């Protein structure tokens, strides 16, 4: 066999090759080894490393490789042949390795349910220990590429990555809605857990990034979750509820059936009845009546807050609509206790809901008496008429008869009476 006079490796193409074995092993003490920048050459003979060389031009003689004399009995001088494998190791620092996990299930803090997530990113590696890298990873291959690296450690890398992401999100109570704002912190956290893994294989983990964490749309469960989130977002923007959307679907189907003659008159009447009777949509005007106070996701809807909040809580039969302020004539929802434009108290008519002046005796719209009623009393909070013996206002819930009613029968008592006129109980 011919003796190789020169040994070198010049990578070709765009593929990242971490290690390359020179195809010939017939060397001599006159063989020239040329190592380029960002490379390191390692020589193996008889199963052991006989020398390592950095960038430059080297002659493989006994001065550079003293161990040759013990392995082959090579004397000084002369063109003495010997056999050895020459490995070239690429020590560049590319950051072009893309990674992606398969589906991982996590109990999401935002939606309070299990979500299937997938993560994507990119990282970069640099060989810092060529000897460890060649012995522990490369083995008998003639070259070791980026694909060989990612394929060989896919399982272990994916397991460590998924468990670290889930642990980070659970420990910090971060849900799917807010995870995009934590990708930088999560990347640093995950890089710290992966450093020891790659160092044990002879690598420095130079960079590590998570570019996205998304719902896994490749599964039926993930597609349903995405559809539900999309519907929730749409309803939050337009201000309608899930129940109302279902009512619209049923009503539309009924109307379609009526138009095609499948549902008859009954289907059409049911559709009209459902659409006209939807809560908050207006009784007489049906779907044409604007809905001014729709609920939103997250519990921030004014119409759903209790009486301790900014707005009042309408009764189950009360329809949410807008009224005109008796003081400034500007519109505001009838769930407000006060006009938001001028601060005048809302004094609703118990029959039609029209706002009236605090001193008005009758409603300016329908003429209903605003004071008196059966008991001759009115609520001090909203001026609504009080039923005889009432302890709380039926319109706003304010306690109105504390200490002014009969302890036996509950009849309202005037301040001047000493005995109950209904049962005779002493006050």
Protein backbone atom coordinates (compact mmCIF):
# COMPACT_ATOMS: atom_id res chain seq x y z
CA UNK A 1 0.00 0.00 0.00
CA UNK A 2 1.15 3.50 -0.81
CA UNK A 3 2.27 5.70 2.04
CA UNK A 4 0.31 8.92 2.45
CA UNK A 5 2.52 11.98 2.33
CA UNK A 6 -0.09 14.60 3.25
CA UNK A 7 -3.21 14.42 5.45
CA UNK A 8 -5.81 17.21 5.55
CA UNK A 9 -9.60 17.80 5.63
CA UNK A 10 -11.52 20.62 3.94
CA UNK A 11 -15.27 20.43 4.72
CA UNK A 12 -17.57 20.78 1.72
CA UNK A 13 -21.23 21.81 1.58
CA UNK A 14 -23.48 23.40 4.19
CA UNK A 15 -23.96 20.38 6.44
CA UNK A 16 -22.39 20.66 9.88
CA UNK A 17 -19.87 17.83 10.36
CA UNK A 18 -18.46 17.58 13.87
CA UNK A 19 -15.88 14.85 13.21
CA UNK A 20 -14.26 13.31 10.09
CA UNK A 21 -11.98 10.27 9.84
CA UNK A 22 -9.28 10.41 7.16
CA UNK A 23 -9.85 7.37 4.91
CA UNK A 24 -6.18 6.22 4.75
CA UNK A 25 -4.15 4.82 7.65
CA UNK A 26 -0.75 4.19 5.95
CA UNK A 27 1.40 6.98 7.35
CA UNK A 28 5.09 7.55 7.86
CA UNK A 29 7.41 9.71 9.89
CA UNK A 30 7.55 12.06 6.89
CA UNK A 31 3.77 12.46 6.51
CA UNK A 32 2.61 16.07 6.72
CA UNK A 33 -0.53 16.75 8.80
CA UNK A 34 -2.28 20.01 7.93
CA UNK A 35 -4.87 21.22 10.42
CA UNK A 36 -7.01 24.25 9.52
CA UNK A 37 -8.28 26.97 11.83
CA UNK A 38 -11.19 25.86 14.04
CA UNK A 39 -9.99 22.22 13.70
CA UNK A 40 -8.19 19.76 15.92
CA UNK A 41 -6.59 16.49 14.77
CA UNK A 42 -6.46 13.39 16.95
CA UNK A 43 -4.39 10.27 16.05
CA UNK A 44 -5.38 6.76 17.19
CA UNK A 45 -3.13 3.73 16.91
CA UNK A 46 -3.71 0.28 18.32
CA UNK A 47 -6.79 1.48 20.23
CA UNK A 48 -5.18 4.42 22.01
CA UNK A 49 -4.58 8.10 21.36
CA UNK A 50 -1.05 8.76 20.20
CA UNK A 51 -1.26 12.52 19.68
CA UNK A 52 -3.41 15.65 19.35
CA UNK A 53 -2.60 18.59 17.05
CA UNK A 54 -4.00 22.11 16.77
CA UNK A 55 -4.11 24.40 13.70
CA UNK A 56 -0.94 24.39 11.61
CA UNK A 57 1.38 22.08 9.62
CA UNK A 58 2.88 19.12 11.51
CA UNK A 59 5.29 16.32 10.60
CA UNK A 60 4.28 12.96 12.11
CA UNK A 61 7.77 11.95 13.30
CA UNK A 62 9.00 10.56 16.57
CA UNK A 63 9.68 14.05 17.88
CA UNK A 64 6.00 14.93 17.71
CA UNK A 65 4.87 11.39 18.48
CA UNK A 66 7.38 9.80 20.89
CA UNK A 67 4.96 6.96 21.61
CA UNK A 68 5.59 5.63 18.07
CA UNK A 69 8.91 4.18 19.23
CA UNK A 70 7.24 2.09 21.89
CA UNK A 71 4.36 1.03 19.61
CA UNK A 72 6.30 0.26 16.41
CA UNK A 73 9.97 0.35 17.40
CA UNK A 74 10.59 3.19 14.98
CA UNK A 75 14.15 4.61 15.23
CA UNK A 76 15.15 8.21 14.62
CA UNK A 77 15.64 9.19 10.99
CA UNK A 78 14.49 7.48 7.81
CA UNK A 79 11.04 7.22 6.24
CA UNK A 80 9.51 4.77 8.68
CA UNK A 81 5.94 3.64 7.98
CA UNK A 82 3.27 3.10 10.61
CA UNK A 83 -0.54 2.81 10.70
CA UNK A 84 -2.83 5.22 12.53
CA UNK A 85 -6.30 6.71 12.22
CA UNK A 86 -6.46 10.47 11.88
CA UNK A 87 -9.63 12.19 13.11
CA UNK A 88 -10.39 15.81 12.37
CA UNK A 89 -12.70 17.52 14.88
CA UNK A 90 -14.66 20.65 13.92
CA UNK A 91 -14.48 23.21 16.74
CA UNK A 92 -16.68 25.93 15.25
CA UNK A 93 -19.54 27.40 17.28
CA UNK A 94 -22.64 27.09 15.05
CA UNK A 95 -26.00 27.98 16.55
CA UNK A 96 -28.17 26.31 13.96
CA UNK A 97 -29.53 23.17 15.57
CA UNK A 98 -33.34 23.27 15.57
CA UNK A 99 -35.23 21.25 18.16
CA UNK A 100 -38.87 20.45 18.79
CA UNK A 101 -40.64 18.40 21.45
CA UNK A 102 -43.59 16.12 20.96
CA UNK A 103 -46.81 16.74 22.87
CA UNK A 104 -46.56 17.36 26.61
CA UNK A 105 -49.61 17.60 28.87
CA UNK A 106 -49.76 20.34 31.50
CA UNK A 107 -52.46 21.56 33.89
CA UNK A 108 -52.75 25.15 32.70
CA UNK A 109 -53.01 27.92 35.28
CA UNK A 110 -55.06 30.19 32.98
CA UNK A 111 -57.75 27.78 31.79
CA UNK A 112 -57.60 25.43 34.81
CA UNK A 113 -57.55 22.35 32.60
CA UNK A 114 -55.11 19.99 30.87
CA UNK A 115 -53.58 21.42 27.69
CA UNK A 116 -51.39 19.57 25.15
CA UNK A 117 -48.38 21.80 24.38
CA UNK A 118 -45.40 21.59 22.03
CA UNK A 119 -42.20 23.65 22.20
CA UNK A 120 -39.70 24.70 19.52
CA UNK A 121 -36.30 26.33 19.62
CA UNK A 122 -32.66 26.41 18.54
CA UNK A 123 -29.32 25.84 20.23
CA UNK A 124 -25.58 25.84 19.45
CA UNK A 125 -22.77 23.49 20.49
CA UNK A 126 -18.98 23.71 20.47
CA UNK A 127 -16.66 20.77 21.06
CA UNK A 128 -14.46 21.57 24.05
CA UNK A 129 -12.95 18.11 24.64
CA UNK A 130 -12.17 16.32 21.36
CA UNK A 131 -10.89 13.19 23.11
CA UNK A 132 -14.06 12.78 25.23
CA UNK A 133 -16.26 13.52 22.23
CA UNK A 134 -14.60 10.93 19.97
CA UNK A 135 -14.50 8.17 22.56
CA UNK A 136 -18.00 8.61 24.05
CA UNK A 137 -20.03 9.52 20.98
CA UNK A 138 -18.43 8.85 17.59
CA UNK A 139 -17.33 5.23 17.93
CA UNK A 140 -16.70 3.44 14.63
CA UNK A 141 -18.36 5.96 12.28
CA UNK A 142 -16.31 7.52 9.49
CA UNK A 143 -17.91 10.92 10.13
CA UNK A 144 -20.26 12.40 12.68
CA UNK A 145 -22.82 14.99 11.52
CA UNK A 146 -25.41 17.23 13.12
CA UNK A 147 -28.10 14.70 12.18
CA UNK A 148 -26.18 11.90 13.94
CA UNK A 149 -25.98 14.05 17.05
CA UNK A 150 -29.66 15.03 17.22
CA UNK A 151 -30.87 11.54 16.32
CA UNK A 152 -28.65 9.80 18.88
CA UNK A 153 -29.76 11.98 21.80
CA UNK A 154 -33.33 12.78 20.75
CA UNK A 155 -35.00 10.76 23.51
CA UNK A 156 -32.92 12.01 26.41
CA UNK A 157 -32.91 15.61 25.15
CA UNK A 158 -36.70 15.63 24.65
CA UNK A 159 -37.38 14.15 28.09
CA UNK A 160 -35.17 16.67 29.89
CA UNK A 161 -36.63 19.57 27.90
CA UNK A 162 -40.30 18.69 28.48
CA UNK A 163 -39.92 17.97 32.18
CA UNK A 164 -38.04 21.25 32.71
CA UNK A 165 -40.66 23.33 30.85
CA UNK A 166 -43.57 21.76 32.77
CA UNK A 167 -41.75 22.20 36.10
CA UNK A 168 -40.99 25.87 35.34
CA UNK A 169 -44.59 26.68 34.37
CA UNK A 170 -46.03 24.89 37.41
CA UNK A 171 -43.56 26.37 39.92
CA UNK A 172 -44.11 29.93 38.67
CA UNK A 173 -47.87 29.55 38.04
CA UNK A 174 -47.47 30.63 34.40
CA UNK A 175 -50.29 29.67 32.04
CA UNK A 176 -50.55 29.43 28.28
CA UNK A 177 -51.72 33.05 27.96
CA UNK A 178 -48.57 34.45 29.56
CA UNK A 179 -45.88 31.96 28.56
CA UNK A 180 -44.78 33.97 25.50
CA UNK A 181 -43.62 36.75 27.81
CA UNK A 182 -41.44 34.32 29.78
CA UNK A 183 -39.58 32.65 26.90
CA UNK A 184 -36.33 34.49 27.70
CA UNK A 185 -36.37 33.46 31.38
CA UNK A 186 -37.43 29.93 30.49
CA UNK A 187 -34.61 29.66 27.93
CA UNK A 188 -32.00 30.60 30.54
CA UNK A 189 -33.54 28.21 33.05
CA UNK A 190 -33.54 25.35 30.56
CA UNK A 191 -30.00 26.10 29.40
CA UNK A 192 -28.78 25.78 32.99
CA UNK A 193 -30.23 22.28 33.30
CA UNK A 194 -28.76 21.15 29.95
CA UNK A 195 -25.17 22.37 30.49
CA UNK A 196 -24.07 19.34 32.51
CA UNK A 197 -25.66 16.95 30.00
CA UNK A 198 -23.64 18.28 27.05
CA UNK A 199 -20.45 18.84 29.06
CA UNK A 200 -20.40 15.15 29.87
CA UNK A 201 -20.25 14.48 26.12
CA UNK A 202 -17.42 16.94 25.43
CA UNK A 203 -19.54 19.93 24.34
CA UNK A 204 -20.06 23.50 25.44
CA UNK A 205 -23.70 24.60 25.12
CA UNK A 206 -23.00 28.06 23.70
CA UNK A 207 -26.60 29.19 23.04
CA UNK A 208 -30.08 27.90 23.84
CA UNK A 209 -33.38 29.48 22.83
CA UNK A 210 -37.07 28.61 23.04
CA UNK A 211 -38.80 30.30 20.12
CA UNK A 212 -42.40 29.22 20.78
CA UNK A 213 -44.70 27.17 23.01
CA UNK A 214 -48.06 26.41 21.36
CA UNK A 215 -51.08 24.16 21.56
CA UNK A 216 -50.41 20.83 19.86
CA UNK A 217 -52.71 21.03 16.82
CA UNK A 218 -51.67 17.60 15.52
CA UNK A 219 -54.04 15.84 17.96
CA UNK A 220 -57.83 15.85 18.12
CA UNK A 221 -57.70 17.16 21.68
CA UNK A 222 -55.42 20.03 20.68
CA UNK A 223 -57.67 21.02 17.77
CA UNK A 224 -60.70 21.10 20.08
CA UNK A 225 -58.82 23.25 22.58
CA UNK A 226 -57.78 25.71 19.86
CA UNK A 227 -61.36 25.91 18.62
CA UNK A 228 -62.65 26.55 22.14
CA UNK A 229 -60.06 29.31 22.73
CA UNK A 230 -60.97 30.89 19.39
CA UNK A 231 -64.67 30.86 20.25
CA UNK A 232 -63.99 32.32 23.69
CA UNK A 233 -61.93 35.14 22.20
CA UNK A 234 -64.63 35.92 19.62
CA UNK A 235 -67.38 36.00 22.26
CA UNK A 236 -65.24 38.20 24.51
CA UNK A 237 -64.78 40.71 21.69
CA UNK A 238 -68.40 40.74 20.45
CA UNK A 239 -69.89 40.57 23.95
CA UNK A 240 -72.23 37.60 23.62
CA UNK A 241 -72.40 34.48 25.76
CA UNK A 242 -72.11 30.81 24.91
CA UNK A 243 -75.79 30.31 25.74
CA UNK A 244 -76.81 33.10 23.39
CA UNK A 245 -74.68 31.65 20.60
CA UNK A 246 -76.36 28.28 21.03
CA UNK A 247 -79.78 29.98 20.99
CA UNK A 248 -78.85 31.67 17.72
CA UNK A 249 -77.77 28.33 16.25
CA UNK A 250 -81.01 26.63 17.26
CA UNK A 251 -83.07 29.59 16.06
CA UNK A 252 -81.27 29.71 12.72
CA UNK A 253 -81.78 25.99 12.21
CA UNK A 254 -85.47 26.37 13.04
CA UNK A 255 -85.85 29.28 10.63
CA UNK A 256 -84.05 27.31 7.89
CA UNK A 257 -86.34 24.37 8.52
CA UNK A 258 -89.37 26.63 8.40
CA UNK A 259 -88.23 28.15 5.12
CA UNK A 260 -87.71 24.73 3.56
CA UNK A 261 -91.02 23.45 4.83
CA UNK A 262 -89.41 20.91 7.16
CA UNK A 263 -90.37 22.46 10.48
CA UNK A 264 -93.74 23.90 9.59
CA UNK A 265 -95.26 26.81 11.41
CA UNK A 266 -94.22 25.42 14.81
CA UNK A 267 -90.51 25.64 14.01
CA UNK A 268 -90.79 29.23 12.86
CA UNK A 269 -92.77 30.29 15.92
CA UNK A 270 -90.25 28.57 18.22
CA UNK A 271 -87.38 30.41 16.53
CA UNK A 272 -89.11 33.78 16.83
CA UNK A 273 -89.99 33.10 20.46
CA UNK A 274 -86.41 32.09 21.35
CA UNK A 275 -84.82 35.07 19.63
CA UNK A 276 -87.31 37.51 21.12
CA UNK A 277 -86.99 36.09 24.62
CA UNK A 278 -83.22 35.93 24.96
CA UNK A 279 -82.06 37.47 28.20
CA UNK A 280 -80.86 41.01 27.79
CA UNK A 281 -81.89 41.19 24.14
CA UNK A 282 -85.12 43.09 24.73
CA UNK A 283 -88.62 41.62 24.83
CA UNK A 284 -90.49 43.61 22.24
CA UNK A 285 -87.65 44.40 19.87
CA UNK A 286 -86.03 40.95 19.94
CA UNK A 287 -82.60 40.71 18.42
CA UNK A 288 -82.86 44.26 17.09
CA UNK A 289 -82.72 45.67 20.63
CA UNK A 290 -79.08 46.56 21.50
CA UNK A 291 -77.52 44.71 24.41
CA UNK A 292 -75.53 47.29 26.34
CA UNK A 293 -74.12 45.21 29.17
CA UNK A 294 -72.89 41.88 27.96
CA UNK A 295 -70.78 39.66 30.21
CA UNK A 296 -67.11 39.17 29.41
CA UNK A 297 -64.71 36.36 30.21
CA UNK A 298 -62.73 36.96 33.37
CA UNK A 299 -65.54 38.36 35.51
CA UNK A 300 -65.06 42.04 34.64
CA UNK A 301 -68.62 42.67 33.42
CA UNK A 302 -70.28 45.53 35.28
CA UNK A 303 -73.71 43.98 34.90
CA UNK A 304 -72.60 40.88 36.75
CA UNK A 305 -71.13 42.62 39.79
CA UNK A 306 -73.00 42.60 43.07
CA UNK A 307 -74.49 45.56 44.85
CA UNK A 308 -71.22 46.19 46.65
CA UNK A 309 -69.58 47.08 43.30
CA UNK A 310 -69.91 50.13 41.16
CA UNK A 311 -73.17 49.03 39.60
CA UNK A 312 -76.36 47.54 40.95
CA UNK A 313 -77.44 43.97 40.35
CA UNK A 314 -80.61 43.78 38.22
CA UNK A 315 -83.32 41.45 39.38
CA UNK A 316 -83.90 38.23 37.37
CA UNK A 317 -86.86 39.85 35.60
CA UNK A 318 -85.22 43.23 35.06
CA UNK A 319 -83.95 43.82 31.54
CA UNK A 320 -80.66 45.64 31.11
CA UNK A 321 -81.27 48.76 29.02
CA UNK A 322 -80.37 52.42 28.86
CA UNK A 323 -82.35 55.21 30.49
CA UNK A 324 -82.18 59.01 30.33
CA UNK A 325 -80.92 60.88 33.39
CA UNK A 326 -83.64 63.16 34.83
CA UNK A 327 -80.99 65.75 35.65
CA UNK A 328 -78.65 65.93 32.61
CA UNK A 329 -80.72 63.97 30.02
CA UNK A 330 -77.78 61.74 29.07
CA UNK A 331 -78.07 57.97 28.67
CA UNK A 332 -76.71 55.41 31.14
CA UNK A 333 -77.44 51.70 31.87
CA UNK A 334 -80.24 51.01 34.34
CA UNK A 335 -77.83 48.89 36.40
CA UNK A 336 -76.09 52.07 37.62
CA UNK A 337 -77.04 53.51 41.02
CA UNK A 338 -75.96 56.98 39.92
CA UNK A 339 -75.68 58.80 36.61
CA UNK A 340 -72.03 58.45 35.47
CA UNK A 341 -72.22 61.88 33.75
CA UNK A 342 -73.54 64.12 36.55
CA UNK A 343 -73.71 61.89 39.66
CA UNK A 344 -77.48 62.30 40.16
CA UNK A 345 -79.03 59.28 42.00
CA UNK A 346 -81.02 56.92 39.81
CA UNK A 347 -84.68 57.10 40.96
CA UNK A 348 -86.39 54.42 38.82
CA UNK A 349 -90.08 54.05 38.29
CA UNK A 350 -91.06 50.64 39.71
CA UNK A 351 -93.18 49.98 36.62
CA UNK A 352 -91.29 51.27 33.58
CA UNK A 353 -87.82 52.05 35.00
CA UNK A 354 -87.75 55.68 33.88
CA UNK A 355 -85.41 57.90 35.93
CA UNK A 356 -87.32 60.55 37.90
CA UNK A 357 -86.41 63.51 40.07
CA UNK A 358 -85.90 62.64 43.72
CA UNK A 359 -88.90 64.82 44.72
CA UNK A 360 -91.24 63.56 42.01
CA UNK A 361 -94.54 62.12 43.21
CA UNK A 362 -95.39 60.30 39.97
CA UNK A 363 -93.39 58.86 37.07
CA UNK A 364 -92.99 61.40 34.27
CA UNK A 365 -93.37 58.60 31.71
CA UNK A 366 -96.24 56.37 32.88
CA UNK A 367 -97.70 58.25 35.87
CA UNK A 368 -97.07 55.49 38.41
CA UNK A 369 -96.99 56.86 41.99
CA UNK A 370 -93.42 57.05 43.26
CA UNK A 371 -94.27 57.53 46.96
CA UNK A 372 -96.91 56.13 49.20
CA UNK A 373 -98.06 52.73 47.85
CA UNK A 374 -99.96 50.41 50.12
CA UNK A 375 -98.03 51.35 53.22
CA UNK A 376 -97.58 55.04 52.44
CA UNK A 377 -93.79 54.55 52.65
CA UNK A 378 -91.00 54.65 50.07
CA UNK A 379 -87.44 53.31 50.09
CA UNK A 380 -84.94 55.93 51.30
CA UNK A 381 -82.37 54.50 48.87
CA UNK A 382 -84.25 54.35 45.57
CA UNK A 383 -87.70 55.89 46.34
CA UNK A 384 -89.48 52.70 45.24
CA UNK A 385 -92.84 52.07 47.00
CA UNK A 386 -92.60 49.68 49.96
CA UNK A 387 -95.04 46.90 50.72
CA UNK A 388 -96.71 46.93 54.12
CA UNK A 389 -94.47 45.34 56.74
CA UNK A 390 -91.48 45.17 54.40
CA UNK A 391 -88.10 45.02 56.12
CA UNK A 392 -86.09 45.32 52.89
CA UNK A 393 -86.74 47.24 49.67
CA UNK A 394 -87.91 44.93 46.91
CA UNK A 395 -86.19 47.05 44.25
CA UNK A 396 -82.70 47.68 45.65
CA UNK A 397 -82.55 45.42 48.72
CA UNK A 398 -81.87 48.22 51.23
CA UNK A 399 -82.99 47.50 54.80
CA UNK A 400 -85.79 49.99 55.46
CA UNK A 401 -87.61 48.87 58.60
CA UNK A 402 -84.90 48.23 61.16
CA UNK A 403 -86.60 48.78 64.55
CA UNK A 404 -89.75 50.35 62.92
CA UNK A 405 -91.83 47.18 62.52
CA UNK A 406 -93.85 45.02 64.88
CA UNK A 407 -91.78 42.30 66.52
CA UNK A 408 -94.78 39.94 66.35
CA UNK A 409 -96.43 40.41 62.95
CA UNK A 410 -93.89 42.62 61.10
CA UNK A 411 -96.32 45.48 60.39
CA UNK A 412 -94.57 48.80 59.74
CA UNK A 413 -95.06 51.21 62.64
CA UNK A 414 -95.19 54.98 62.61
CA UNK A 415 -92.71 56.65 65.00
CA UNK A 416 -95.52 57.99 67.21
CA UNK A 417 -97.46 54.73 67.89
CA UNK A 418 -96.86 52.65 71.02
CA UNK A 419 -98.93 49.57 70.10
CA UNK A 420 -99.22 47.65 66.83
CA UNK A 421 -102.53 48.59 65.14
CA UNK A 422 -102.80 45.11 63.62
CA UNK A 423 -102.05 42.69 66.49
CA UNK A 424 -101.92 44.97 69.53
CA UNK A 425 -98.36 44.05 70.47
CA UNK A 426 -96.60 46.67 72.56
CA UNK A 427 -93.81 48.38 70.75
